[in-house]
Amino acid sequence: MRLKESFVPHDSGTEQVMVDTSGKFLGLVRSNRTAAFIIDFLKEEHTEEEIVEALYEKYDAKKEVLAKDVRMVLDRLMEAGALPTVDM
């Protein structure tokens, strides 16, 4: 999966925000550091498992917890239309 090109993230230094330049999603996506890491990672094609592995290498946390967090962020990005809605 990969972030749709119309969704543009911006890091302000204290938080990441993302807007949809296509005009289909009328809102602003605000992200904490973990979600921002996932969004940045999705600028290129990656699987859900690859995202979990990348987070596991970066943070001291259990893979089960990371997998749950990744799923939550991916679900929210899909709801916003930032990711294709396909079965994973």
C-alpha atoms as a PDB file:
ATOM      1  CA  MET A   1       0.000   0.000   0.000  1.00  0.00           C
ATOM      2  CA  ARG A   2       1.041   3.561  -0.575  1.00  0.00           C
ATOM      3  CA  LEU A   3      -0.225   6.995   0.432  1.00  0.00           C
ATOM      4  CA  LYS A   4      -2.250   8.621  -2.348  1.00  0.00           C
ATOM      5  CA  GLU A   5      -0.306  11.410  -4.056  1.00  0.00           C
ATOM      6  CA  SER A   6      -3.089  13.937  -3.426  1.00  0.00           C
ATOM      7  CA  PHE A   7      -2.447  13.676   0.328  1.00  0.00           C
ATOM      8  CA  VAL A   8       0.412  15.970   1.256  1.00  0.00           C
ATOM      9  CA  PRO A   9       1.981  15.723   4.728  1.00  0.00           C
ATOM     10  CA  HIS A  10       3.804  18.657   6.307  1.00  0.00           C
ATOM     11  CA  ASP A  11       5.953  18.504   9.420  1.00  0.00           C
ATOM     12  CA  SER A  12       5.710  21.721  11.425  1.00  0.00           C
ATOM     13  CA  GLY A  13       8.391  20.644  13.869  1.00  0.00           C
ATOM     14  CA  THR A  14       5.957  19.892  16.675  1.00  0.00           C
ATOM     15  CA  GLU A  15       3.385  17.856  14.756  1.00  0.00           C
ATOM     16  CA  GLN A  16       2.605  16.571  11.314  1.00  0.00           C
ATOM     17  CA  VAL A  17      -0.471  17.706   9.410  1.00  0.00           C
ATOM     18  CA  MET A  18      -1.771  16.367   6.119  1.00  0.00           C
ATOM     19  CA  VAL A  19      -4.218  17.790   3.587  1.00  0.00           C
ATOM     20  CA  ASP A  20      -5.864  16.351   0.497  1.00  0.00           C
ATOM     21  CA  THR A  21      -5.145  18.480  -2.562  1.00  0.00           C
ATOM     22  CA  SER A  22      -7.832  16.708  -4.607  1.00  0.00           C
ATOM     23  CA  GLY A  23     -10.595  18.308  -2.543  1.00  0.00           C
ATOM     24  CA  LYS A  24     -12.326  14.983  -1.886  1.00  0.00           C
ATOM     25  CA  PHE A  25     -11.398  14.979   1.808  1.00  0.00           C
ATOM     26  CA  LEU A  26     -12.280  18.298   3.372  1.00  0.00           C
ATOM     27  CA  GLY A  27     -10.288  18.388   6.533  1.00  0.00           C
ATOM     28  CA  LEU A  28      -6.914  18.202   8.133  1.00  0.00           C
ATOM     29  CA  VAL A  29      -5.214  15.053   9.393  1.00  0.00           C
ATOM     30  CA  ARG A  30      -3.111  15.748  12.483  1.00  0.00           C
ATOM     31  CA  SER A  31      -0.615  13.099  13.528  1.00  0.00           C
ATOM     32  CA  ASN A  32       1.489  12.258  16.531  1.00  0.00           C
ATOM     33  CA  ARG A  33       5.095  11.148  15.972  1.00  0.00           C
ATOM     34  CA  THR A  34       4.234   7.458  15.545  1.00  0.00           C
ATOM     35  CA  ALA A  35       1.470   8.136  13.022  1.00  0.00           C
ATOM     36  CA  ALA A  36       3.759  10.614  11.245  1.00  0.00           C
ATOM     37  CA  PHE A  37       6.411   7.882  10.985  1.00  0.00           C
ATOM     38  CA  ILE A  38       3.843   5.561   9.395  1.00  0.00           C
ATOM     39  CA  ILE A  39       2.641   8.255   6.994  1.00  0.00           C
ATOM     40  CA  ASP A  40       6.193   9.095   5.950  1.00  0.00           C
ATOM     41  CA  PHE A  41       6.920   5.382   5.494  1.00  0.00           C
ATOM     42  CA  LEU A  42       3.869   5.139   3.205  1.00  0.00           C
ATOM     43  CA  LYS A  43       5.320   7.650   0.755  1.00  0.00           C
ATOM     44  CA  GLU A  44       6.684   4.462  -0.820  1.00  0.00           C
ATOM     45  CA  GLU A  45       4.992   1.108  -1.342  1.00  0.00           C
ATOM     46  CA  HIS A  46       5.064  -1.061   1.823  1.00  0.00           C
ATOM     47  CA  THR A  47       3.060  -3.838   3.391  1.00  0.00           C
ATOM     48  CA  GLU A  48       1.490  -3.617   6.815  1.00  0.00           C
ATOM     49  CA  GLU A  49       4.042  -6.127   8.089  1.00  0.00           C
ATOM     50  CA  GLU A  50       6.925  -3.972   6.808  1.00  0.00           C
ATOM     51  CA  ILE A  51       5.526  -0.992   8.696  1.00  0.00           C
ATOM     52  CA  VAL A  52       5.337  -3.014  11.918  1.00  0.00           C
ATOM     53  CA  GLU A  53       8.938  -4.206  11.417  1.00  0.00           C
ATOM     54  CA  ALA A  54      10.185  -0.646  10.817  1.00  0.00           C
ATOM     55  CA  LEU A  55       8.455   0.557  13.990  1.00  0.00           C
ATOM     56  CA  TYR A  56       9.840  -2.417  15.919  1.00  0.00           C
ATOM     57  CA  GLU A  57      13.367  -1.413  14.890  1.00  0.00           C
ATOM     58  CA  LYS A  58      12.754   2.211  15.921  1.00  0.00           C
ATOM     59  CA  TYR A  59      10.800   1.815  19.187  1.00  0.00           C
ATOM     60  CA  ASP A  60      11.116  -0.389  22.243  1.00  0.00           C
ATOM     61  CA  ALA A  61       7.670  -1.975  22.145  1.00  0.00           C
ATOM     62  CA  LYS A  62       6.056  -5.369  21.657  1.00  0.00           C
ATOM     63  CA  LYS A  63       5.212  -6.283  18.076  1.00  0.00           C
ATOM     64  CA  GLU A  64       1.624  -7.065  19.070  1.00  0.00           C
ATOM     65  CA  VAL A  65       1.155  -3.532  20.390  1.00  0.00           C
ATOM     66  CA  LEU A  66       2.805  -2.008  17.328  1.00  0.00           C
ATOM     67  CA  ALA A  67       0.678  -4.116  14.979  1.00  0.00           C
ATOM     68  CA  LYS A  68      -2.482  -2.913  16.721  1.00  0.00           C
ATOM     69  CA  ASP A  69      -1.344   0.719  16.485  1.00  0.00           C
ATOM     70  CA  VAL A  70      -0.423   0.344  12.813  1.00  0.00           C
ATOM     71  CA  ARG A  71      -3.838  -1.166  12.039  1.00  0.00           C
ATOM     72  CA  MET A  72      -5.567   1.745  13.808  1.00  0.00           C
ATOM     73  CA  VAL A  73      -3.585   4.364  11.848  1.00  0.00           C
ATOM     74  CA  LEU A  74      -4.149   2.534   8.540  1.00  0.00           C
ATOM     75  CA  ASP A  75      -7.886   2.297   9.220  1.00  0.00           C
ATOM     76  CA  ARG A  76      -8.065   6.040   9.910  1.00  0.00           C
ATOM     77  CA  LEU A  77      -6.070   6.833   6.768  1.00  0.00           C
ATOM     78  CA  MET A  78      -8.434   4.648   4.741  1.00  0.00           C
ATOM     79  CA  GLU A  79     -11.451   6.410   6.245  1.00  0.00           C
ATOM     80  CA  ALA A  80      -9.946   9.751   5.176  1.00  0.00           C
ATOM     81  CA  GLY A  81      -9.329   8.372   1.684  1.00  0.00           C
ATOM     82  CA  ALA A  82      -5.541   8.656   1.982  1.00  0.00           C
ATOM     83  CA  LEU A  83      -5.037   4.945   1.237  1.00  0.00           C
ATOM     84  CA  PRO A  84      -6.718   2.647  -1.227  1.00  0.00           C
ATOM     85  CA  THR A  85      -9.420   0.554   0.414  1.00  0.00           C
ATOM     86  CA  VAL A  86      -8.320  -2.975  -0.354  1.00  0.00           C
ATOM     87  CA  ASP A  87      -8.413  -6.125   1.717  1.00  0.00           C
ATOM     88  CA  MET A  88      -5.064  -6.695   3.426  1.00  0.00           C
END
